[in-house]
Amino acid sequence: MLWAIIVAIVVGLILGVLAKLILPGKQNIPLWLTILVGIAAAFLGNYVAQLFGVRVTAGFDWIRHLIQVILAVIGVGAVASFYGKKGAAH
């Protein structure tokens, strides 16, 4: 159980940082929120990949990971735009 949580945090960190690197400009969101969005993208990406029948394939799951990165980019972009507006209002 503890190992699964650690793996989820590491995968979330990797996906979140990749999303921030792919998105243009600066995403003004904290690291903890980036990790949460990355974790959500990982779980949602697994679900979407399963719907398409590509969740578990032989070798490295390129399609599943691509789906996860795309969802992380969308998620980080959406959260950054909302978080930036919230921060600017105060």
PDB file of N, CA and C in Angstrom:
ATOM      1  N   MET A   1       0.826  -1.196   0.000  1.00  0.00           N
ATOM      2  CA  MET A   1       0.000   0.000   0.000  1.00  0.00           C
ATOM      3  C   MET A   1       0.870   1.260   0.000  1.00  0.00           C
ATOM      4  N   LEU A   2       1.832   1.299   0.896  1.00  0.00           N
ATOM      5  CA  LEU A   2       2.722   2.459   0.967  1.00  0.00           C
ATOM      6  C   LEU A   2       3.519   2.597  -0.325  1.00  0.00           C
ATOM      7  N   TRP A   3       3.960   1.470  -0.871  1.00  0.00           N
ATOM      8  CA  TRP A   3       4.717   1.488  -2.112  1.00  0.00           C
ATOM      9  C   TRP A   3       3.869   2.051  -3.250  1.00  0.00           C
ATOM     10  N   ALA A   4       2.604   1.700  -3.315  1.00  0.00           N
ATOM     11  CA  ALA A   4       1.707   2.211  -4.364  1.00  0.00           C
ATOM     12  C   ALA A   4       1.541   3.718  -4.249  1.00  0.00           C
ATOM     13  N   ILE A   5       1.479   4.228  -3.037  1.00  0.00           N
ATOM     14  CA  ILE A   5       1.350   5.676  -2.835  1.00  0.00           C
ATOM     15  C   ILE A   5       2.617   6.383  -3.300  1.00  0.00           C
ATOM     16  N   ILE A   6       3.765   5.819  -2.974  1.00  0.00           N
ATOM     17  CA  ILE A   6       5.040   6.412  -3.393  1.00  0.00           C
ATOM     18  C   ILE A   6       5.153   6.418  -4.910  1.00  0.00           C
ATOM     19  N   VAL A   7       4.791   5.311  -5.542  1.00  0.00           N
ATOM     20  CA  VAL A   7       4.835   5.232  -7.007  1.00  0.00           C
ATOM     21  C   VAL A   7       3.877   6.245  -7.627  1.00  0.00           C
ATOM     22  N   ALA A   8       2.676   6.391  -7.059  1.00  0.00           N
ATOM     23  CA  ALA A   8       1.705   7.360  -7.579  1.00  0.00           C
ATOM     24  C   ALA A   8       2.251   8.775  -7.484  1.00  0.00           C
ATOM     25  N   ILE A   9       2.928   9.104  -6.388  1.00  0.00           N
ATOM     26  CA  ILE A   9       3.498  10.443  -6.232  1.00  0.00           C
ATOM     27  C   ILE A   9       4.614  10.673  -7.247  1.00  0.00           C
ATOM     28  N   VAL A  10       5.468   9.683  -7.440  1.00  0.00           N
ATOM     29  CA  VAL A  10       6.574   9.827  -8.396  1.00  0.00           C
ATOM     30  C   VAL A  10       6.039   9.963  -9.822  1.00  0.00           C
ATOM     31  N   VAL A  11       5.077   9.113 -10.186  1.00  0.00           N
ATOM     32  CA  VAL A  11       4.486   9.199 -11.526  1.00  0.00           C
ATOM     33  C   VAL A  11       3.773  10.532 -11.700  1.00  0.00           C
ATOM     34  N   GLY A  12       3.056  10.980 -10.679  1.00  0.00           N
ATOM     35  CA  GLY A  12       2.381  12.280 -10.738  1.00  0.00           C
ATOM     36  C   GLY A  12       3.361  13.419 -10.912  1.00  0.00           C
ATOM     37  N   LEU A  13       4.476  13.354 -10.203  1.00  0.00           N
ATOM     38  CA  LEU A  13       5.518  14.372 -10.342  1.00  0.00           C
ATOM     39  C   LEU A  13       6.076  14.389 -11.760  1.00  0.00           C
ATOM     40  N   ILE A  14       6.381  13.225 -12.287  1.00  0.00           N
ATOM     41  CA  ILE A  14       6.939  13.142 -13.648  1.00  0.00           C
ATOM     42  C   ILE A  14       5.940  13.673 -14.666  1.00  0.00           C
ATOM     43  N   LEU A  15       4.687  13.221 -14.594  1.00  0.00           N
ATOM     44  CA  LEU A  15       3.677  13.684 -15.551  1.00  0.00           C
ATOM     45  C   LEU A  15       3.417  15.183 -15.413  1.00  0.00           C
ATOM     46  N   GLY A  16       3.336  15.663 -14.192  1.00  0.00           N
ATOM     47  CA  GLY A  16       3.086  17.089 -13.975  1.00  0.00           C
ATOM     48  C   GLY A  16       4.215  17.956 -14.502  1.00  0.00           C
ATOM     49  N   VAL A  17       5.451  17.550 -14.237  1.00  0.00           N
ATOM     50  CA  VAL A  17       6.605  18.321 -14.719  1.00  0.00           C
ATOM     51  C   VAL A  17       6.683  18.265 -16.237  1.00  0.00           C
ATOM     52  N   LEU A  18       6.433  17.095 -16.835  1.00  0.00           N
ATOM     53  CA  LEU A  18       6.403  17.002 -18.300  1.00  0.00           C
ATOM     54  C   LEU A  18       5.345  17.938 -18.878  1.00  0.00           C
ATOM     55  N   ALA A  19       4.176  17.964 -18.257  1.00  0.00           N
ATOM     56  CA  ALA A  19       3.102  18.845 -18.735  1.00  0.00           C
ATOM     57  C   ALA A  19       3.522  20.302 -18.656  1.00  0.00           C
ATOM     58  N   LYS A  20       4.175  20.693 -17.560  1.00  0.00           N
ATOM     59  CA  LYS A  20       4.622  22.083 -17.424  1.00  0.00           C
ATOM     60  C   LYS A  20       5.690  22.419 -18.455  1.00  0.00           C
ATOM     61  N   LEU A  21       6.528  21.441 -18.805  1.00  0.00           N
ATOM     62  CA  LEU A  21       7.553  21.676 -19.832  1.00  0.00           C
ATOM     63  C   LEU A  21       6.940  21.805 -21.229  1.00  0.00           C
ATOM     64  N   ILE A  22       5.888  21.046 -21.480  1.00  0.00           N
ATOM     65  CA  ILE A  22       5.251  21.065 -22.804  1.00  0.00           C
ATOM     66  C   ILE A  22       4.430  22.333 -23.005  1.00  0.00           C
ATOM     67  N   LEU A  23       3.741  22.775 -21.959  1.00  0.00           N
ATOM     68  CA  LEU A  23       2.894  23.970 -22.075  1.00  0.00           C
ATOM     69  C   LEU A  23       3.738  25.221 -22.269  1.00  0.00           C
ATOM     70  N   PRO A  24       3.292  26.126 -23.150  1.00  0.00           N
ATOM     71  CA  PRO A  24       4.039  27.373 -23.315  1.00  0.00           C
ATOM     72  C   PRO A  24       3.826  28.304 -22.125  1.00  0.00           C
ATOM     73  N   GLY A  25       4.803  29.120 -21.846  1.00  0.00           N
ATOM     74  CA  GLY A  25       4.690  30.096 -20.761  1.00  0.00           C
ATOM     75  C   GLY A  25       4.919  29.466 -19.402  1.00  0.00           C
ATOM     76  N   LYS A  26       4.670  30.273 -18.387  1.00  0.00           N
ATOM     77  CA  LYS A  26       4.879  29.822 -17.010  1.00  0.00           C
ATOM     78  C   LYS A  26       3.544  29.448 -16.395  1.00  0.00           C
ATOM     79  N   GLN A  27       3.487  28.266 -15.803  1.00  0.00           N
ATOM     80  CA  GLN A  27       2.294  27.839 -15.091  1.00  0.00           C
ATOM     81  C   GLN A  27       2.539  28.122 -13.615  1.00  0.00           C
ATOM     82  N   ASN A  28       1.802  29.069 -13.095  1.00  0.00           N
ATOM     83  CA  ASN A  28       2.028  29.538 -11.733  1.00  0.00           C
ATOM     84  C   ASN A  28       1.200  28.718 -10.744  1.00  0.00           C
ATOM     85  N   ILE A  29       1.524  27.414 -10.652  1.00  0.00           N
ATOM     86  CA  ILE A  29       0.863  26.557  -9.675  1.00  0.00           C
ATOM     87  C   ILE A  29       1.936  25.884  -8.829  1.00  0.00           C
ATOM     88  N   PRO A  30       1.620  25.600  -7.571  1.00  0.00           N
ATOM     89  CA  PRO A  30       2.619  24.979  -6.692  1.00  0.00           C
ATOM     90  C   PRO A  30       2.912  23.529  -7.093  1.00  0.00           C
ATOM     91  N   LEU A  31       4.044  23.035  -6.628  1.00  0.00           N
ATOM     92  CA  LEU A  31       4.479  21.682  -6.965  1.00  0.00           C
ATOM     93  C   LEU A  31       3.476  20.641  -6.482  1.00  0.00           C
ATOM     94  N   TRP A  32       2.911  20.815  -5.307  1.00  0.00           N
ATOM     95  CA  TRP A  32       1.974  19.822  -4.783  1.00  0.00           C
ATOM     96  C   TRP A  32       0.752  19.703  -5.680  1.00  0.00           C
ATOM     97  N   LEU A  33       0.300  20.825  -6.261  1.00  0.00           N
ATOM     98  CA  LEU A  33      -0.856  20.794  -7.148  1.00  0.00           C
ATOM     99  C   LEU A  33      -0.480  20.165  -8.491  1.00  0.00           C
ATOM    100  N   THR A  34       0.727  20.416  -8.943  1.00  0.00           N
ATOM    101  CA  THR A  34       1.230  19.782 -10.162  1.00  0.00           C
ATOM    102  C   THR A  34       1.251  18.271  -9.992  1.00  0.00           C
ATOM    103  N   ILE A  35       1.702  17.799  -8.832  1.00  0.00           N
ATOM    104  CA  ILE A  35       1.749  16.364  -8.563  1.00  0.00           C
ATOM    105  C   ILE A  35       0.343  15.774  -8.524  1.00  0.00           C
ATOM    106  N   LEU A  36      -0.596  16.467  -7.881  1.00  0.00           N
ATOM    107  CA  LEU A  36      -1.977  15.973  -7.823  1.00  0.00           C
ATOM    108  C   LEU A  36      -2.593  15.857  -9.214  1.00  0.00           C
ATOM    109  N   VAL A  37      -2.352  16.859 -10.059  1.00  0.00           N
ATOM    110  CA  VAL A  37      -2.872  16.804 -11.429  1.00  0.00           C
ATOM    111  C   VAL A  37      -2.212  15.654 -12.180  1.00  0.00           C
ATOM    112  N   GLY A  38      -0.921  15.448 -11.976  1.00  0.00           N
ATOM    113  CA  GLY A  38      -0.226  14.335 -12.620  1.00  0.00           C
ATOM    114  C   GLY A  38      -0.758  12.986 -12.176  1.00  0.00           C
ATOM    115  N   ILE A  39      -1.040  12.841 -10.888  1.00  0.00           N
ATOM    116  CA  ILE A  39      -1.607  11.584 -10.382  1.00  0.00           C
ATOM    117  C   ILE A  39      -2.988  11.344 -10.998  1.00  0.00           C
ATOM    118  N   ALA A  40      -3.802  12.383 -11.044  1.00  0.00           N
ATOM    119  CA  ALA A  40      -5.136  12.256 -11.652  1.00  0.00           C
ATOM    120  C   ALA A  40      -5.017  11.887 -13.129  1.00  0.00           C
ATOM    121  N   ALA A  41      -4.067  12.494 -13.827  1.00  0.00           N
ATOM    122  CA  ALA A  41      -3.861  12.184 -15.252  1.00  0.00           C
ATOM    123  C   ALA A  41      -3.413  10.741 -15.432  1.00  0.00           C
ATOM    124  N   ALA A  42      -2.601  10.240 -14.514  1.00  0.00           N
ATOM    125  CA  ALA A  42      -2.145   8.852 -14.603  1.00  0.00           C
ATOM    126  C   ALA A  42      -3.320   7.890 -14.459  1.00  0.00           C
ATOM    127  N   PHE A  43      -4.161   8.112 -13.448  1.00  0.00           N
ATOM    128  CA  PHE A  43      -5.309   7.228 -13.244  1.00  0.00           C
ATOM    129  C   PHE A  43      -6.315   7.340 -14.386  1.00  0.00           C
ATOM    130  N   LEU A  44      -6.609   8.558 -14.792  1.00  0.00           N
ATOM    131  CA  LEU A  44      -7.556   8.760 -15.885  1.00  0.00           C
ATOM    132  C   LEU A  44      -6.987   8.205 -17.197  1.00  0.00           C
ATOM    133  N   GLY A  45      -5.687   8.392 -17.396  1.00  0.00           N
ATOM    134  CA  GLY A  45      -5.041   7.846 -18.596  1.00  0.00           C
ATOM    135  C   GLY A  45      -5.109   6.336 -18.651  1.00  0.00           C
ATOM    136  N   ASN A  46      -4.941   5.675 -17.501  1.00  0.00           N
ATOM    137  CA  ASN A  46      -5.086   4.220 -17.458  1.00  0.00           C
ATOM    138  C   ASN A  46      -6.494   3.798 -17.841  1.00  0.00           C
ATOM    139  N   TYR A  47      -7.484   4.533 -17.344  1.00  0.00           N
ATOM    140  CA  TYR A  47      -8.879   4.216 -17.646  1.00  0.00           C
ATOM    141  C   TYR A  47      -9.180   4.406 -19.135  1.00  0.00           C
ATOM    142  N   VAL A  48      -8.743   5.535 -19.697  1.00  0.00           N
ATOM    143  CA  VAL A  48      -8.986   5.807 -21.120  1.00  0.00           C
ATOM    144  C   VAL A  48      -8.259   4.770 -21.984  1.00  0.00           C
ATOM    145  N   ALA A  49      -7.034   4.427 -21.617  1.00  0.00           N
ATOM    146  CA  ALA A  49      -6.288   3.419 -22.376  1.00  0.00           C
ATOM    147  C   ALA A  49      -7.005   2.073 -22.331  1.00  0.00           C
ATOM    148  N   GLN A  50      -7.576   1.750 -21.182  1.00  0.00           N
ATOM    149  CA  GLN A  50      -8.320   0.503 -21.052  1.00  0.00           C
ATOM    150  C   GLN A  50      -9.546   0.516 -21.961  1.00  0.00           C
ATOM    151  N   LEU A  51     -10.214   1.682 -22.069  1.00  0.00           N
ATOM    152  CA  LEU A  51     -11.375   1.789 -22.967  1.00  0.00           C
ATOM    153  C   LEU A  51     -10.985   1.507 -24.415  1.00  0.00           C
ATOM    154  N   PHE A  52      -9.765   1.935 -24.791  1.00  0.00           N
ATOM    155  CA  PHE A  52      -9.279   1.710 -26.150  1.00  0.00           C
ATOM    156  C   PHE A  52      -8.578   0.369 -26.306  1.00  0.00           C
ATOM    157  N   GLY A  53      -8.477  -0.388 -25.225  1.00  0.00           N
ATOM    158  CA  GLY A  53      -7.864  -1.706 -25.289  1.00  0.00           C
ATOM    159  C   GLY A  53      -6.344  -1.688 -25.338  1.00  0.00           C
ATOM    160  N   VAL A  54      -5.723  -0.624 -24.872  1.00  0.00           N
ATOM    161  CA  VAL A  54      -4.256  -0.522 -24.940  1.00  0.00           C
ATOM    162  C   VAL A  54      -3.634  -0.300 -23.560  1.00  0.00           C
ATOM    163  N   ARG A  55      -4.363  -0.626 -22.491  1.00  0.00           N
ATOM    164  CA  ARG A  55      -3.824  -0.369 -21.148  1.00  0.00           C
ATOM    165  C   ARG A  55      -2.604  -1.236 -20.871  1.00  0.00           C
ATOM    166  N   VAL A  56      -2.669  -2.514 -21.222  1.00  0.00           N
ATOM    167  CA  VAL A  56      -1.548  -3.413 -20.985  1.00  0.00           C
ATOM    168  C   VAL A  56      -1.142  -4.019 -22.319  1.00  0.00           C
ATOM    169  N   THR A  57       0.056  -3.698 -22.742  1.00  0.00           N
ATOM    170  CA  THR A  57       0.590  -4.242 -23.986  1.00  0.00           C
ATOM    171  C   THR A  57       1.953  -4.846 -23.703  1.00  0.00           C
ATOM    172  N   ALA A  58       2.460  -5.614 -24.640  1.00  0.00           N
ATOM    173  CA  ALA A  58       3.793  -6.195 -24.487  1.00  0.00           C
ATOM    174  C   ALA A  58       4.829  -5.077 -24.602  1.00  0.00           C
ATOM    175  N   GLY A  59       5.775  -5.068 -23.701  1.00  0.00           N
ATOM    176  CA  GLY A  59       6.809  -4.036 -23.737  1.00  0.00           C
ATOM    177  C   GLY A  59       6.338  -2.755 -23.076  1.00  0.00           C
ATOM    178  N   PHE A  60       6.912  -1.655 -23.496  1.00  0.00           N
ATOM    179  CA  PHE A  60       6.603  -0.335 -22.927  1.00  0.00           C
ATOM    180  C   PHE A  60       5.278   0.162 -23.488  1.00  0.00           C
ATOM    181  N   ASP A  61       4.395   0.622 -22.641  1.00  0.00           N
ATOM    182  CA  ASP A  61       3.058   1.061 -23.056  1.00  0.00           C
ATOM    183  C   ASP A  61       3.082   2.501 -23.559  1.00  0.00           C
ATOM    184  N   TRP A  62       3.610   2.706 -24.758  1.00  0.00           N
ATOM    185  CA  TRP A  62       3.752   4.052 -25.315  1.00  0.00           C
ATOM    186  C   TRP A  62       2.423   4.770 -25.434  1.00  0.00           C
ATOM    187  N   ILE A  63       1.409   4.073 -25.914  1.00  0.00           N
ATOM    188  CA  ILE A  63       0.115   4.711 -26.136  1.00  0.00           C
ATOM    189  C   ILE A  63      -0.502   5.139 -24.804  1.00  0.00           C
ATOM    190  N   ARG A  64      -0.436   4.268 -23.806  1.00  0.00           N
ATOM    191  CA  ARG A  64      -0.995   4.605 -22.491  1.00  0.00           C
ATOM    192  C   ARG A  64      -0.280   5.808 -21.893  1.00  0.00           C
ATOM    193  N   HIS A  65       1.047   5.819 -22.001  1.00  0.00           N
ATOM    194  CA  HIS A  65       1.798   6.937 -21.435  1.00  0.00           C
ATOM    195  C   HIS A  65       1.563   8.228 -22.216  1.00  0.00           C
ATOM    196  N   LEU A  66       1.390   8.133 -23.512  1.00  0.00           N
ATOM    197  CA  LEU A  66       1.072   9.312 -24.319  1.00  0.00           C
ATOM    198  C   LEU A  66      -0.285   9.887 -23.898  1.00  0.00           C
ATOM    199  N   ILE A  67      -1.254   9.008 -23.667  1.00  0.00           N
ATOM    200  CA  ILE A  67      -2.565   9.454 -23.200  1.00  0.00           C
ATOM    201  C   ILE A  67      -2.429  10.148 -21.849  1.00  0.00           C
ATOM    202  N   GLN A  68      -1.621   9.584 -20.956  1.00  0.00           N
ATOM    203  CA  GLN A  68      -1.417  10.182 -19.635  1.00  0.00           C
ATOM    204  C   GLN A  68      -0.770  11.565 -19.742  1.00  0.00           C
ATOM    205  N   VAL A  69       0.217  11.700 -20.619  1.00  0.00           N
ATOM    206  CA  VAL A  69       0.883  13.000 -20.786  1.00  0.00           C
ATOM    207  C   VAL A  69      -0.085  14.025 -21.364  1.00  0.00           C
ATOM    208  N   ILE A  70      -0.867  13.636 -22.344  1.00  0.00           N
ATOM    209  CA  ILE A  70      -1.844  14.553 -22.943  1.00  0.00           C
ATOM    210  C   ILE A  70      -2.845  15.016 -21.880  1.00  0.00           C
ATOM    211  N   LEU A  71      -3.333  14.081 -21.081  1.00  0.00           N
ATOM    212  CA  LEU A  71      -4.274  14.459 -20.024  1.00  0.00           C
ATOM    213  C   LEU A  71      -3.611  15.338 -18.965  1.00  0.00           C
ATOM    214  N   ALA A  72      -2.340  15.091 -18.682  1.00  0.00           N
ATOM    215  CA  ALA A  72      -1.622  15.935 -17.721  1.00  0.00           C
ATOM    216  C   ALA A  72      -1.454  17.349 -18.266  1.00  0.00           C
ATOM    217  N   VAL A  73      -1.151  17.472 -19.561  1.00  0.00           N
ATOM    218  CA  VAL A  73      -1.014  18.795 -20.173  1.00  0.00           C
ATOM    219  C   VAL A  73      -2.346  19.543 -20.099  1.00  0.00           C
ATOM    220  N   ILE A  74      -3.420  18.868 -20.432  1.00  0.00           N
ATOM    221  CA  ILE A  74      -4.743  19.491 -20.356  1.00  0.00           C
ATOM    222  C   ILE A  74      -5.054  19.888 -18.917  1.00  0.00           C
ATOM    223  N   GLY A  75      -4.786  18.982 -17.979  1.00  0.00           N
ATOM    224  CA  GLY A  75      -5.080  19.242 -16.575  1.00  0.00           C
ATOM    225  C   GLY A  75      -4.258  20.374 -15.992  1.00  0.00           C
ATOM    226  N   VAL A  76      -2.950  20.362 -16.239  1.00  0.00           N
ATOM    227  CA  VAL A  76      -2.090  21.426 -15.713  1.00  0.00           C
ATOM    228  C   VAL A  76      -2.471  22.764 -16.336  1.00  0.00           C
ATOM    229  N   GLY A  77      -2.766  22.768 -17.636  1.00  0.00           N
ATOM    230  CA  GLY A  77      -3.185  24.009 -18.289  1.00  0.00           C
ATOM    231  C   GLY A  77      -4.470  24.560 -17.698  1.00  0.00           C
ATOM    232  N   ALA A  78      -5.432  23.679 -17.463  1.00  0.00           N
ATOM    233  CA  ALA A  78      -6.715  24.112 -16.898  1.00  0.00           C
ATOM    234  C   ALA A  78      -6.547  24.606 -15.460  1.00  0.00           C
ATOM    235  N   VAL A  79      -5.814  23.851 -14.658  1.00  0.00           N
ATOM    236  CA  VAL A  79      -5.622  24.239 -13.262  1.00  0.00           C
ATOM    237  C   VAL A  79      -4.808  25.525 -13.171  1.00  0.00           C
ATOM    238  N   ALA A  80      -3.790  25.654 -14.020  1.00  0.00           N
ATOM    239  CA  ALA A  80      -2.960  26.864 -13.998  1.00  0.00           C
ATOM    240  C   ALA A  80      -3.772  28.101 -14.370  1.00  0.00           C
ATOM    241  N   SER A  81      -4.664  27.966 -15.330  1.00  0.00           N
ATOM    242  CA  SER A  81      -5.469  29.136 -15.710  1.00  0.00           C
ATOM    243  C   SER A  81      -6.434  29.510 -14.585  1.00  0.00           C
ATOM    244  N   PHE A  82      -7.017  28.514 -13.922  1.00  0.00           N
ATOM    245  CA  PHE A  82      -7.921  28.791 -12.803  1.00  0.00           C
ATOM    246  C   PHE A  82      -7.145  29.308 -11.599  1.00  0.00           C
ATOM    247  N   TYR A  83      -6.034  28.670 -11.276  1.00  0.00           N
ATOM    248  CA  TYR A  83      -5.246  29.042 -10.116  1.00  0.00           C
ATOM    249  C   TYR A  83      -4.653  30.437 -10.289  1.00  0.00           C
ATOM    250  N   GLY A  84      -4.222  30.749 -11.516  1.00  0.00           N
ATOM    251  CA  GLY A  84      -3.671  32.083 -11.787  1.00  0.00           C
ATOM    252  C   GLY A  84      -4.708  33.172 -11.619  1.00  0.00           C
ATOM    253  N   LYS A  85      -5.938  32.914 -12.060  1.00  0.00           N
ATOM    254  CA  LYS A  85      -7.019  33.888 -11.901  1.00  0.00           C
ATOM    255  C   LYS A  85      -7.387  34.065 -10.444  1.00  0.00           C
ATOM    256  N   LYS A  86      -7.396  32.963  -9.711  1.00  0.00           N
ATOM    257  CA  LYS A  86      -7.720  33.040  -8.292  1.00  0.00           C
ATOM    258  C   LYS A  86      -6.656  33.842  -7.535  1.00  0.00           C
ATOM    259  N   GLY A  87      -5.396  33.599  -7.886  1.00  0.00           N
ATOM    260  CA  GLY A  87      -4.301  34.325  -7.231  1.00  0.00           C
ATOM    261  C   GLY A  87      -4.297  35.797  -7.603  1.00  0.00           C
ATOM    262  N   ALA A  88      -4.683  36.138  -8.830  1.00  0.00           N
ATOM    263  CA  ALA A  88      -4.686  37.536  -9.274  1.00  0.00           C
ATOM    264  C   ALA A  88      -5.819  38.332  -8.621  1.00  0.00           C
ATOM    265  N   ALA A  89      -6.890  37.636  -8.218  1.00  0.00           N
ATOM    266  CA  ALA A  89      -8.037  38.323  -7.623  1.00  0.00           C
ATOM    267  C   ALA A  89      -7.743  38.786  -6.211  1.00  0.00           C
ATOM    268  N   HIS A  90      -6.769  38.172  -5.556  1.00  0.00           N
ATOM    269  CA  HIS A  90      -6.468  38.537  -4.166  1.00  0.00           C
ATOM    270  C   HIS A  90      -5.424  39.560  -4.081  1.00  0.00           C
TER     271      HIS A  90
END
